[in-house]
PDB file of N, CA and C in Angstrom:
ATOM      1  N   GLN A   1     112.674 112.527  88.803  1.00  0.00           N
ATOM      2  CA  GLN A   1     112.576 111.099  89.102  1.00  0.00           C
ATOM      3  C   GLN A   1     111.579 110.890  90.245  1.00  0.00           C
ATOM      4  N   LEU A   2     110.792 109.838  90.126  1.00  0.00           N
ATOM      5  CA  LEU A   2     109.834 109.504  91.171  1.00  0.00           C
ATOM      6  C   LEU A   2     110.119 108.092  91.653  1.00  0.00           C
ATOM      7  N   GLN A   3     110.210 107.915  92.947  1.00  0.00           N
ATOM      8  CA  GLN A   3     110.486 106.613  93.550  1.00  0.00           C
ATOM      9  C   GLN A   3     109.334 106.236  94.454  1.00  0.00           C
ATOM     10  N   ALA A   4     108.580 105.225  94.024  1.00  0.00           N
ATOM     11  CA  ALA A   4     107.415 104.786  94.786  1.00  0.00           C
ATOM     12  C   ALA A   4     107.780 103.599  95.669  1.00  0.00           C
ATOM     13  N   SER A   5     107.084 103.502  96.782  1.00  0.00           N
ATOM     14  CA  SER A   5     107.301 102.388  97.703  1.00  0.00           C
ATOM     15  C   SER A   5     106.030 102.129  98.490  1.00  0.00           C
ATOM     16  N   GLY A   6     105.988 100.988  99.159  1.00  0.00           N
ATOM     17  CA  GLY A   6     104.899 100.709 100.084  1.00  0.00           C
ATOM     18  C   GLY A   6     103.886  99.688  99.618  1.00  0.00           C
ATOM     19  N   GLY A   7     104.017  99.179  98.415  1.00  0.00           N
ATOM     20  CA  GLY A   7     103.086  98.166  97.948  1.00  0.00           C
ATOM     21  C   GLY A   7     103.279  96.855  98.677  1.00  0.00           C
ATOM     22  N   GLY A   8     102.387  95.919  98.432  1.00  0.00           N
ATOM     23  CA  GLY A   8     102.503  94.612  99.053  1.00  0.00           C
ATOM     24  C   GLY A   8     101.215  93.836  98.972  1.00  0.00           C
ATOM     25  N   LEU A   9     101.161  92.778  99.789  1.00  0.00           N
ATOM     26  CA  LEU A   9      99.999  91.896  99.850  1.00  0.00           C
ATOM     27  C   LEU A   9      99.234  92.162 101.134  1.00  0.00           C
ATOM     28  N   VAL A  10      97.934  92.330 101.007  1.00  0.00           N
ATOM     29  CA  VAL A  10      97.092  92.601 102.172  1.00  0.00           C
ATOM     30  C   VAL A  10      95.755  91.909 101.984  1.00  0.00           C
ATOM     31  N   GLN A  11      95.128  91.555 103.077  1.00  0.00           N
ATOM     32  CA  GLN A  11      93.797  90.945 103.003  1.00  0.00           C
ATOM     33  C   GLN A  11      92.729  92.002 102.777  1.00  0.00           C
ATOM     34  N   ALA A  12      91.650  91.582 102.187  1.00  0.00           N
ATOM     35  CA  ALA A  12      90.523  92.488 101.995  1.00  0.00           C
ATOM     36  C   ALA A  12      90.119  93.103 103.326  1.00  0.00           C
ATOM     37  N   GLY A  13      89.850  94.389 103.292  1.00  0.00           N
ATOM     38  CA  GLY A  13      89.509  95.122 104.502  1.00  0.00           C
ATOM     39  C   GLY A  13      90.695  95.763 105.179  1.00  0.00           C
ATOM     40  N   GLY A  14      91.888  95.403 104.739  1.00  0.00           N
ATOM     41  CA  GLY A  14      93.101  95.935 105.334  1.00  0.00           C
ATOM     42  C   GLY A  14      93.504  97.282 104.758  1.00  0.00           C
ATOM     43  N   SER A  15      94.683  97.725 105.169  1.00  0.00           N
ATOM     44  CA  SER A  15      95.186  99.036 104.768  1.00  0.00           C
ATOM     45  C   SER A  15      96.624  98.934 104.280  1.00  0.00           C
ATOM     46  N   LEU A  16      96.969  99.854 103.409  1.00  0.00           N
ATOM     47  CA  LEU A  16      98.337 100.025 102.953  1.00  0.00           C
ATOM     48  C   LEU A  16      98.584 101.500 102.726  1.00  0.00           C
ATOM     49  N   ARG A  17      99.841 101.873 102.843  1.00  0.00           N
ATOM     50  CA  ARG A  17     100.220 103.262 102.580  1.00  0.00           C
ATOM     51  C   ARG A  17     101.323 103.270 101.533  1.00  0.00           C
ATOM     52  N   LEU A  18     101.063 103.960 100.441  1.00  0.00           N
ATOM     53  CA  LEU A  18     102.059 104.124  99.401  1.00  0.00           C
ATOM     54  C   LEU A  18     102.725 105.483  99.557  1.00  0.00           C
ATOM     55  N   SER A  19     104.012 105.514  99.273  1.00  0.00           N
ATOM     56  CA  SER A  19     104.750 106.768  99.314  1.00  0.00           C
ATOM     57  C   SER A  19     105.513 106.956  98.015  1.00  0.00           C
ATOM     58  N   CYS A  20     105.712 108.196  97.667  1.00  0.00           N
ATOM     59  CA  CYS A  20     106.443 108.527  96.445  1.00  0.00           C
ATOM     60  C   CYS A  20     107.336 109.725  96.742  1.00  0.00           C
ATOM     61  N   ALA A  21     108.619 109.553  96.500  1.00  0.00           N
ATOM     62  CA  ALA A  21     109.589 110.630  96.715  1.00  0.00           C
ATOM     63  C   ALA A  21     110.014 111.181  95.369  1.00  0.00           C
ATOM     64  N   ALA A  22     109.954 112.488  95.231  1.00  0.00           N
ATOM     65  CA  ALA A  22     110.312 113.153  93.984  1.00  0.00           C
ATOM     66  C   ALA A  22     111.673 113.809  94.093  1.00  0.00           C
ATOM     67  N   SER A  23     112.404 113.769  93.013  1.00  0.00           N
ATOM     68  CA  SER A  23     113.689 114.465  92.938  1.00  0.00           C
ATOM     69  C   SER A  23     113.869 114.992  91.524  1.00  0.00           C
ATOM     70  N   GLY A  24     114.632 116.062  91.417  1.00  0.00           N
ATOM     71  CA  GLY A  24     114.927 116.607  90.095  1.00  0.00           C
ATOM     72  C   GLY A  24     113.850 117.482  89.497  1.00  0.00           C
ATOM     73  N   ILE A  25     112.793 117.740  90.245  1.00  0.00           N
ATOM     74  CA  ILE A  25     111.733 118.639  89.784  1.00  0.00           C
ATOM     75  C   ILE A  25     111.432 119.651  90.879  1.00  0.00           C
ATOM     76  N   ILE A  26     110.835 120.764  90.480  1.00  0.00           N
ATOM     77  CA  ILE A  26     110.371 121.747  91.479  1.00  0.00           C
ATOM     78  C   ILE A  26     108.992 121.283  91.913  1.00  0.00           C
ATOM     79  N   PHE A  27     108.968 120.604  93.034  1.00  0.00           N
ATOM     80  CA  PHE A  27     107.800 119.846  93.471  1.00  0.00           C
ATOM     81  C   PHE A  27     106.531 120.678  93.506  1.00  0.00           C
ATOM     82  N   SER A  28     106.644 121.912  93.967  1.00  0.00           N
ATOM     83  CA  SER A  28     105.451 122.738  94.137  1.00  0.00           C
ATOM     84  C   SER A  28     104.794 123.108  92.815  1.00  0.00           C
ATOM     85  N   MET A  29     105.498 122.938  91.720  1.00  0.00           N
ATOM     86  CA  MET A  29     104.946 123.261  90.408  1.00  0.00           C
ATOM     87  C   MET A  29     104.169 122.101  89.794  1.00  0.00           C
ATOM     88  N   TYR A  30     104.139 120.988  90.505  1.00  0.00           N
ATOM     89  CA  TYR A  30     103.556 119.781  89.952  1.00  0.00           C
ATOM     90  C   TYR A  30     102.319 119.330  90.716  1.00  0.00           C
ATOM     91  N   MET A  31     101.327 118.932  89.938  1.00  0.00           N
ATOM     92  CA  MET A  31     100.215 118.182  90.486  1.00  0.00           C
ATOM     93  C   MET A  31     100.690 116.736  90.609  1.00  0.00           C
ATOM     94  N   MET A  32     100.481 116.164  91.777  1.00  0.00           N
ATOM     95  CA  MET A  32     100.940 114.798  92.033  1.00  0.00           C
ATOM     96  C   MET A  32      99.746 113.857  92.037  1.00  0.00           C
ATOM     97  N   GLY A  33      99.933 112.717  91.427  1.00  0.00           N
ATOM     98  CA  GLY A  33      98.821 111.781  91.350  1.00  0.00           C
ATOM     99  C   GLY A  33      99.260 110.349  91.496  1.00  0.00           C
ATOM    100  N   TRP A  34      98.280 109.521  91.787  1.00  0.00           N
ATOM    101  CA  TRP A  34      98.448 108.084  91.797  1.00  0.00           C
ATOM    102  C   TRP A  34      97.504 107.492  90.756  1.00  0.00           C
ATOM    103  N   TYR A  35      98.059 106.612  89.948  1.00  0.00           N
ATOM    104  CA  TYR A  35      97.303 105.883  88.946  1.00  0.00           C
ATOM    105  C   TYR A  35      97.484 104.393  89.213  1.00  0.00           C
ATOM    106  N   ARG A  36      96.631 103.597  88.630  1.00  0.00           N
ATOM    107  CA  ARG A  36      96.802 102.154  88.754  1.00  0.00           C
ATOM    108  C   ARG A  36      96.460 101.471  87.439  1.00  0.00           C
ATOM    109  N   GLN A  37      97.036 100.306  87.283  1.00  0.00           N
ATOM    110  CA  GLN A  37      96.828  99.578  86.043  1.00  0.00           C
ATOM    111  C   GLN A  37      96.788  98.083  86.308  1.00  0.00           C
ATOM    112  N   VAL A  38      95.797  97.463  85.718  1.00  0.00           N
ATOM    113  CA  VAL A  38      95.648  96.004  85.744  1.00  0.00           C
ATOM    114  C   VAL A  38      96.050  95.485  84.368  1.00  0.00           C
ATOM    115  N   PRO A  39      96.723  94.362  84.296  1.00  0.00           N
ATOM    116  CA  PRO A  39      97.130  93.834  82.980  1.00  0.00           C
ATOM    117  C   PRO A  39      95.960  93.754  82.013  1.00  0.00           C
ATOM    118  N   GLY A  40      96.189  94.266  80.807  1.00  0.00           N
ATOM    119  CA  GLY A  40      95.160  94.226  79.785  1.00  0.00           C
ATOM    120  C   GLY A  40      94.188  95.385  79.822  1.00  0.00           C
ATOM    121  N   GLU A  41      94.349  96.249  80.818  1.00  0.00           N
ATOM    122  CA  GLU A  41      93.456  97.398  80.926  1.00  0.00           C
ATOM    123  C   GLU A  41      94.259  98.699  80.887  1.00  0.00           C
ATOM    124  N   GLU A  42      93.550  99.790  80.669  1.00  0.00           N
ATOM    125  CA  GLU A  42      94.210 101.084  80.627  1.00  0.00           C
ATOM    126  C   GLU A  42      94.540 101.567  82.039  1.00  0.00           C
ATOM    127  N   ARG A  43      95.574 102.366  82.105  1.00  0.00           N
ATOM    128  CA  ARG A  43      95.927 102.985  83.379  1.00  0.00           C
ATOM    129  C   ARG A  43      94.837 103.984  83.757  1.00  0.00           C
ATOM    130  N   GLU A  44      94.452 103.973  85.017  1.00  0.00           N
ATOM    131  CA  GLU A  44      93.375 104.862  85.457  1.00  0.00           C
ATOM    132  C   GLU A  44      93.821 105.711  86.635  1.00  0.00           C
ATOM    133  N   LEU A  45      93.247 106.899  86.691  1.00  0.00           N
ATOM    134  CA  LEU A  45      93.524 107.798  87.801  1.00  0.00           C
ATOM    135  C   LEU A  45      92.886 107.266  89.080  1.00  0.00           C
ATOM    136  N   VAL A  46      93.650 107.295  90.162  1.00  0.00           N
ATOM    137  CA  VAL A  46      93.133 106.934  91.479  1.00  0.00           C
ATOM    138  C   VAL A  46      92.873 108.197  92.298  1.00  0.00           C
ATOM    139  N   ALA A  47      93.876 109.055  92.378  1.00  0.00           N
ATOM    140  CA  ALA A  47      93.743 110.282  93.173  1.00  0.00           C
ATOM    141  C   ALA A  47      94.846 111.237  92.758  1.00  0.00           C
ATOM    142  N   ARG A  48      94.590 112.521  92.942  1.00  0.00           N
ATOM    143  CA  ARG A  48      95.625 113.507  92.663  1.00  0.00           C
ATOM    144  C   ARG A  48      95.455 114.699  93.574  1.00  0.00           C
ATOM    145  N   ILE A  49      96.537 115.447  93.711  1.00  0.00           N
ATOM    146  CA  ILE A  49      96.559 116.566  94.643  1.00  0.00           C
ATOM    147  C   ILE A  49      97.464 117.649  94.088  1.00  0.00           C
ATOM    148  N   ILE A  50      96.998 118.891  94.181  1.00  0.00           N
ATOM    149  CA  ILE A  50      97.825 120.002  93.739  1.00  0.00           C
ATOM    150  C   ILE A  50      98.591 120.565  94.942  1.00  0.00           C
ATOM    151  N   SER A  51      99.472 121.491  94.664  1.00  0.00           N
ATOM    152  CA  SER A  51     100.345 122.014  95.697  1.00  0.00           C
ATOM    153  C   SER A  51      99.574 122.612  96.865  1.00  0.00           C
ATOM    154  N   GLY A  52      98.463 123.277  96.558  1.00  0.00           N
ATOM    155  CA  GLY A  52      97.685 123.910  97.608  1.00  0.00           C
ATOM    156  C   GLY A  52      96.865 122.951  98.441  1.00  0.00           C
ATOM    157  N   GLY A  53      96.794 121.687  98.010  1.00  0.00           N
ATOM    158  CA  GLY A  53      96.108 120.681  98.793  1.00  0.00           C
ATOM    159  C   GLY A  53      94.782 120.201  98.241  1.00  0.00           C
ATOM    160  N   SER A  54      94.280 120.835  97.202  1.00  0.00           N
ATOM    161  CA  SER A  54      93.018 120.369  96.620  1.00  0.00           C
ATOM    162  C   SER A  54      93.214 118.988  96.007  1.00  0.00           C
ATOM    163  N   THR A  55      92.207 118.161  96.199  1.00  0.00           N
ATOM    164  CA  THR A  55      92.308 116.769  95.756  1.00  0.00           C
ATOM    165  C   THR A  55      91.111 116.363  94.906  1.00  0.00           C
ATOM    166  N   ASN A  56      91.301 115.320  94.146  1.00  0.00           N
ATOM    167  CA  ASN A  56      90.158 114.637  93.583  1.00  0.00           C
ATOM    168  C   ASN A  56      90.471 113.147  93.467  1.00  0.00           C
ATOM    169  N   TYR A  57      89.399 112.360  93.497  1.00  0.00           N
ATOM    170  CA  TYR A  57      89.507 110.914  93.584  1.00  0.00           C
ATOM    171  C   TYR A  57      88.619 110.226  92.555  1.00  0.00           C
ATOM    172  N   ALA A  58      89.028 109.048  92.170  1.00  0.00           N
ATOM    173  CA  ALA A  58      88.140 108.194  91.389  1.00  0.00           C
ATOM    174  C   ALA A  58      86.955 107.802  92.268  1.00  0.00           C
ATOM    175  N   ASP A  59      85.802 107.686  91.664  1.00  0.00           N
ATOM    176  CA  ASP A  59      84.607 107.330  92.434  1.00  0.00           C
ATOM    177  C   ASP A  59      84.796 106.027  93.197  1.00  0.00           C
ATOM    178  N   SER A  60      85.543 105.111  92.608  1.00  0.00           N
ATOM    179  CA  SER A  60      85.700 103.781  93.198  1.00  0.00           C
ATOM    180  C   SER A  60      86.502 103.785  94.500  1.00  0.00           C
ATOM    181  N   VAL A  61      87.220 104.870  94.771  1.00  0.00           N
ATOM    182  CA  VAL A  61      88.059 104.897  95.977  1.00  0.00           C
ATOM    183  C   VAL A  61      87.642 105.984  96.962  1.00  0.00           C
ATOM    184  N   LYS A  62      86.679 106.794  96.597  1.00  0.00           N
ATOM    185  CA  LYS A  62      86.239 107.877  97.495  1.00  0.00           C
ATOM    186  C   LYS A  62      85.802 107.303  98.836  1.00  0.00           C
ATOM    187  N   GLY A  63      86.271 107.957  99.892  1.00  0.00           N
ATOM    188  CA  GLY A  63      85.924 107.526 101.236  1.00  0.00           C
ATOM    189  C   GLY A  63      86.817 106.422 101.776  1.00  0.00           C
ATOM    190  N   ARG A  64      87.640 105.840 100.924  1.00  0.00           N
ATOM    191  CA  ARG A  64      88.541 104.758 101.363  1.00  0.00           C
ATOM    192  C   ARG A  64      90.016 105.156 101.242  1.00  0.00           C
ATOM    193  N   PHE A  65      90.335 105.954 100.237  1.00  0.00           N
ATOM    194  CA  PHE A  65      91.717 106.353  99.990  1.00  0.00           C
ATOM    195  C   PHE A  65      91.880 107.835 100.307  1.00  0.00           C
ATOM    196  N   THR A  66      93.062 108.198 100.781  1.00  0.00           N
ATOM    197  CA  THR A  66      93.386 109.594 101.048  1.00  0.00           C
ATOM    198  C   THR A  66      94.766 109.910 100.485  1.00  0.00           C
ATOM    199  N   VAL A  67      94.826 110.911  99.646  1.00  0.00           N
ATOM    200  CA  VAL A  67      96.104 111.360  99.085  1.00  0.00           C
ATOM    201  C   VAL A  67      96.562 112.595  99.848  1.00  0.00           C
ATOM    202  N   SER A  68      97.856 112.667 100.093  1.00  0.00           N
ATOM    203  CA  SER A  68      98.421 113.824 100.798  1.00  0.00           C
ATOM    204  C   SER A  68      99.814 114.094 100.243  1.00  0.00           C
ATOM    205  N   ARG A  69     100.290 115.287 100.484  1.00  0.00           N
ATOM    206  CA  ARG A  69     101.633 115.632 100.032  1.00  0.00           C
ATOM    207  C   ARG A  69     102.326 116.474 101.072  1.00  0.00           C
ATOM    208  N   ASP A  70     103.646 116.372 101.085  1.00  0.00           N
ATOM    209  CA  ASP A  70     104.471 117.189 101.957  1.00  0.00           C
ATOM    210  C   ASP A  70     105.418 117.955 101.050  1.00  0.00           C
ATOM    211  N   ASN A  71     105.132 119.226 100.824  1.00  0.00           N
ATOM    212  CA  ASN A  71     105.936 120.021  99.902  1.00  0.00           C
ATOM    213  C   ASN A  71     107.344 120.287 100.435  1.00  0.00           C
ATOM    214  N   SER A  72     107.525 120.174 101.738  1.00  0.00           N
ATOM    215  CA  SER A  72     108.855 120.393 102.311  1.00  0.00           C
ATOM    216  C   SER A  72     109.759 119.174 102.126  1.00  0.00           C
ATOM    217  N   LYS A  73     109.134 118.002 101.920  1.00  0.00           N
ATOM    218  CA  LYS A  73     109.903 116.773 101.764  1.00  0.00           C
ATOM    219  C   LYS A  73     109.818 116.194 100.353  1.00  0.00           C
ATOM    220  N   ASN A  74     109.052 116.882  99.497  1.00  0.00           N
ATOM    221  CA  ASN A  74     108.869 116.410  98.113  1.00  0.00           C
ATOM    222  C   ASN A  74     108.309 114.989  98.061  1.00  0.00           C
ATOM    223  N   THR A  75     107.321 114.754  98.881  1.00  0.00           N
ATOM    224  CA  THR A  75     106.718 113.423  98.908  1.00  0.00           C
ATOM    225  C   THR A  75     105.202 113.502  98.754  1.00  0.00           C
ATOM    226  N   VAL A  76     104.645 112.459  98.207  1.00  0.00           N
ATOM    227  CA  VAL A  76     103.205 112.309  98.103  1.00  0.00           C
ATOM    228  C   VAL A  76     102.853 110.903  98.576  1.00  0.00           C
ATOM    229  N   ASN A  77     101.780 110.811  99.343  1.00  0.00           N
ATOM    230  CA  ASN A  77     101.375 109.542  99.925  1.00  0.00           C
ATOM    231  C   ASN A  77      99.956 109.183  99.525  1.00  0.00           C
ATOM    232  N   LEU A  78      99.688 107.915  99.539  1.00  0.00           N
ATOM    233  CA  LEU A  78      98.333 107.426  99.309  1.00  0.00           C
ATOM    234  C   LEU A  78      98.004 106.437 100.420  1.00  0.00           C
ATOM    235  N   GLN A  79      97.128 106.844 101.312  1.00  0.00           N
ATOM    236  CA  GLN A  79      96.667 105.975 102.378  1.00  0.00           C
ATOM    237  C   GLN A  79      95.440 105.225 101.874  1.00  0.00           C
ATOM    238  N   MET A  80      95.547 103.906 101.840  1.00  0.00           N
ATOM    239  CA  MET A  80      94.467 103.082 101.310  1.00  0.00           C
ATOM    240  C   MET A  80      93.882 102.248 102.442  1.00  0.00           C
ATOM    241  N   SER A  81      92.585 102.368 102.636  1.00  0.00           N
ATOM    242  CA  SER A  81      91.898 101.631 103.691  1.00  0.00           C
ATOM    243  C   SER A  81      90.718 100.867 103.099  1.00  0.00           C
ATOM    244  N   SER A  82      90.208  99.943 103.869  1.00  0.00           N
ATOM    245  CA  SER A  82      89.077  99.120 103.418  1.00  0.00           C
ATOM    246  C   SER A  82      89.335  98.568 102.023  1.00  0.00           C
ATOM    247  N   LEU A  83      90.500  98.026 101.857  1.00  0.00           N
ATOM    248  CA  LEU A  83      90.905  97.551 100.536  1.00  0.00           C
ATOM    249  C   LEU A  83      90.050  96.383 100.068  1.00  0.00           C
ATOM    250  N   LYS A  84      89.843  96.362  98.768  1.00  0.00           N
ATOM    251  CA  LYS A  84      89.034  95.326  98.128  1.00  0.00           C
ATOM    252  C   LYS A  84      89.884  94.585  97.098  1.00  0.00           C
ATOM    253  N   PRO A  85      89.516  93.355  96.787  1.00  0.00           N
ATOM    254  CA  PRO A  85      90.281  92.629  95.758  1.00  0.00           C
ATOM    255  C   PRO A  85      90.379  93.393  94.444  1.00  0.00           C
ATOM    256  N   GLU A  86      89.365  94.164  94.119  1.00  0.00           N
ATOM    257  CA  GLU A  86      89.405  94.921  92.866  1.00  0.00           C
ATOM    258  C   GLU A  86      90.362  96.101  92.903  1.00  0.00           C
ATOM    259  N   ASP A  87      90.957  96.373  94.051  1.00  0.00           N
ATOM    260  CA  ASP A  87      92.011  97.390  94.134  1.00  0.00           C
ATOM    261  C   ASP A  87      93.368  96.825  93.716  1.00  0.00           C
ATOM    262  N   THR A  88      93.425  95.529  93.501  1.00  0.00           N
ATOM    263  CA  THR A  88      94.676  94.909  93.075  1.00  0.00           C
ATOM    264  C   THR A  88      95.128  95.475  91.738  1.00  0.00           C
ATOM    265  N   ALA A  89      96.358  95.972  91.702  1.00  0.00           N
ATOM    266  CA  ALA A  89      96.898  96.603  90.498  1.00  0.00           C
ATOM    267  C   ALA A  89      98.341  97.017  90.767  1.00  0.00           C
ATOM    268  N   VAL A  90      98.990  97.453  89.715  1.00  0.00           N
ATOM    269  CA  VAL A  90     100.258  98.161  89.886  1.00  0.00           C
ATOM    270  C   VAL A  90      99.924  99.642  90.013  1.00  0.00           C
ATOM    271  N   TYR A  91     100.425 100.250  91.049  1.00  0.00           N
ATOM    272  CA  TYR A  91     100.153 101.657  91.327  1.00  0.00           C
ATOM    273  C   TYR A  91     101.364 102.495  90.919  1.00  0.00           C
ATOM    274  N   TYR A  92     101.079 103.570  90.197  1.00  0.00           N
ATOM    275  CA  TYR A  92     102.118 104.440  89.684  1.00  0.00           C
ATOM    276  C   TYR A  92     101.966 105.848  90.245  1.00  0.00           C
ATOM    277  N   CYS A  93     103.080 106.400  90.630  1.00  0.00           N
ATOM    278  CA  CYS A  93     103.130 107.797  91.029  1.00  0.00           C
ATOM    279  C   CYS A  93     103.330 108.658  89.776  1.00  0.00           C
ATOM    280  N   ASN A  94     102.673 109.803  89.745  1.00  0.00           N
ATOM    281  CA  ASN A  94     102.750 110.681  88.576  1.00  0.00           C
ATOM    282  C   ASN A  94     102.929 112.123  89.011  1.00  0.00           C
ATOM    283  N   ALA A  95     103.729 112.844  88.255  1.00  0.00           N
ATOM    284  CA  ALA A  95     103.894 114.281  88.469  1.00  0.00           C
ATOM    285  C   ALA A  95     103.564 114.989  87.167  1.00  0.00           C
ATOM    286  N   TYR A  96     102.659 115.933  87.233  1.00  0.00           N
ATOM    287  CA  TYR A  96     102.244 116.677  86.037  1.00  0.00           C
ATOM    288  C   TYR A  96     102.441 118.162  86.311  1.00  0.00           C
ATOM    289  N   ARG A  97     103.290 118.787  85.515  1.00  0.00           N
ATOM    290  CA  ARG A  97     103.629 120.195  85.763  1.00  0.00           C
ATOM    291  C   ARG A  97     102.475 121.119  85.377  1.00  0.00           C
ATOM    292  N   ILE A  98     102.105 121.990  86.298  1.00  0.00           N
ATOM    293  CA  ILE A  98     101.036 122.944  86.035  1.00  0.00           C
ATOM    294  C   ILE A  98     101.523 124.386  86.099  1.00  0.00           C
ATOM    295  N   LEU A  99     102.800 124.595  86.492  1.00  0.00           N
ATOM    296  CA  LEU A  99     103.379 125.924  86.549  1.00  0.00           C
ATOM    297  C   LEU A  99     104.820 125.854  86.070  1.00  0.00           C
ATOM    298  N   GLY A 100     105.334 127.019  85.602  1.00  0.00           N
ATOM    299  CA  GLY A 100     106.755 127.130  85.333  1.00  0.00           C
ATOM    300  C   GLY A 100     107.239 126.268  84.188  1.00  0.00           C
ATOM    301  N   THR A 101     108.520 125.908  84.262  1.00  0.00           N
ATOM    302  CA  THR A 101     109.136 125.102  83.209  1.00  0.00           C
ATOM    303  C   THR A 101     109.705 123.827  83.791  1.00  0.00           C
ATOM    304  N   GLY A 102     110.051 122.914  82.913  1.00  0.00           N
ATOM    305  CA  GLY A 102     110.587 121.629  83.328  1.00  0.00           C
ATOM    306  C   GLY A 102     109.848 120.529  82.597  1.00  0.00           C
ATOM    307  N   PRO A 103     110.159 119.278  82.929  1.00  0.00           N
ATOM    308  CA  PRO A 103     109.455 118.160  82.275  1.00  0.00           C
ATOM    309  C   PRO A 103     107.946 118.287  82.469  1.00  0.00           C
ATOM    310  N   ARG A 104     107.182 118.030  81.433  1.00  0.00           N
ATOM    311  CA  ARG A 104     105.731 118.171  81.543  1.00  0.00           C
ATOM    312  C   ARG A 104     105.146 117.082  82.439  1.00  0.00           C
ATOM    313  N   GLU A 105     105.659 115.885  82.311  1.00  0.00           N
ATOM    314  CA  GLU A 105     105.085 114.769  83.058  1.00  0.00           C
ATOM    315  C   GLU A 105     106.175 113.751  83.388  1.00  0.00           C
ATOM    316  N   VAL A 106     106.098 113.219  84.593  1.00  0.00           N
ATOM    317  CA  VAL A 106     107.059 112.223  85.058  1.00  0.00           C
ATOM    318  C   VAL A 106     106.286 111.070  85.694  1.00  0.00           C
ATOM    319  N   TRP A 107     106.743 109.850  85.425  1.00  0.00           N
ATOM    320  CA  TRP A 107     106.133 108.662  86.016  1.00  0.00           C
ATOM    321  C   TRP A 107     107.125 107.920  86.891  1.00  0.00           C
ATOM    322  N   GLY A 108     106.633 107.370  87.969  1.00  0.00           N
ATOM    323  CA  GLY A 108     107.434 106.482  88.795  1.00  0.00           C
ATOM    324  C   GLY A 108     107.416 105.077  88.230  1.00  0.00           C
ATOM    325  N   GLN A 109     108.113 104.170  88.897  1.00  0.00           N
ATOM    326  CA  GLN A 109     108.313 102.826  88.361  1.00  0.00           C
ATOM    327  C   GLN A 109     107.172 101.867  88.665  1.00  0.00           C
ATOM    328  N   GLY A 110     106.266 102.225  89.521  1.00  0.00           N
ATOM    329  CA  GLY A 110     105.147 101.335  89.836  1.00  0.00           C
ATOM    330  C   GLY A 110     105.432 100.445  91.019  1.00  0.00           C
ATOM    331  N   THR A 111     104.417 100.207  91.805  1.00  0.00           N
ATOM    332  CA  THR A 111     104.521  99.301  92.937  1.00  0.00           C
ATOM    333  C   THR A 111     103.261  98.434  92.982  1.00  0.00           C
ATOM    334  N   GLN A 112     103.458  97.145  93.195  1.00  0.00           N
ATOM    335  CA  GLN A 112     102.353  96.196  93.140  1.00  0.00           C
ATOM    336  C   GLN A 112     101.564  96.200  94.442  1.00  0.00           C
ATOM    337  N   VAL A 113     100.250  96.290  94.315  1.00  0.00           N
ATOM    338  CA  VAL A 113      99.341  96.132  95.441  1.00  0.00           C
ATOM    339  C   VAL A 113      98.439  94.940  95.132  1.00  0.00           C
ATOM    340  N   THR A 114      98.434  93.980  96.028  1.00  0.00           N
ATOM    341  CA  THR A 114      97.605  92.792  95.859  1.00  0.00           C
ATOM    342  C   THR A 114      96.705  92.630  97.073  1.00  0.00           C
ATOM    343  N   VAL A 115      95.411  92.569  96.826  1.00  0.00           N
ATOM    344  CA  VAL A 115      94.445  92.423  97.904  1.00  0.00           C
ATOM    345  C   VAL A 115      93.786  91.054  97.761  1.00  0.00           C
ATOM    346  N   SER A 116      93.966  90.232  98.759  1.00  0.00           N
ATOM    347  CA  SER A 116      93.401  88.884  98.719  1.00  0.00           C
ATOM    348  C   SER A 116      92.023  88.859  99.370  1.00  0.00           C
ATOM    349  N   SER A 117      91.176  87.999  98.846  1.00  0.00           N
ATOM    350  CA  SER A 117      89.803  87.923  99.372  1.00  0.00           C
ATOM    351  C   SER A 117      89.704  86.934 100.528  1.00  0.00           C
TER     352      SER A 117
END
């Protein structure tokens, strides 16, 4: 299970921090990611991080967003800065298993981020 939190309304140029707490999975076996979706569009990858700390980001958020994880607390965070109206979306936490056994993929419930101009 993934429980996301931290969404809200912020002005353009502001910052928000999203957090996602995982339970019921062996956290270190999962690549953790954040995706976002706008109504009528496909869900897109924002950022992801593997257990060892390697990350990758969508071009649209590079230099503005930072993904991190705490393997001791089973949490993954997304620090979003210099937010733009086009960052407005529902953000979803994702866990994708890359080692061992267990559920292949788990999604959180989504949290709304709204950036006003």
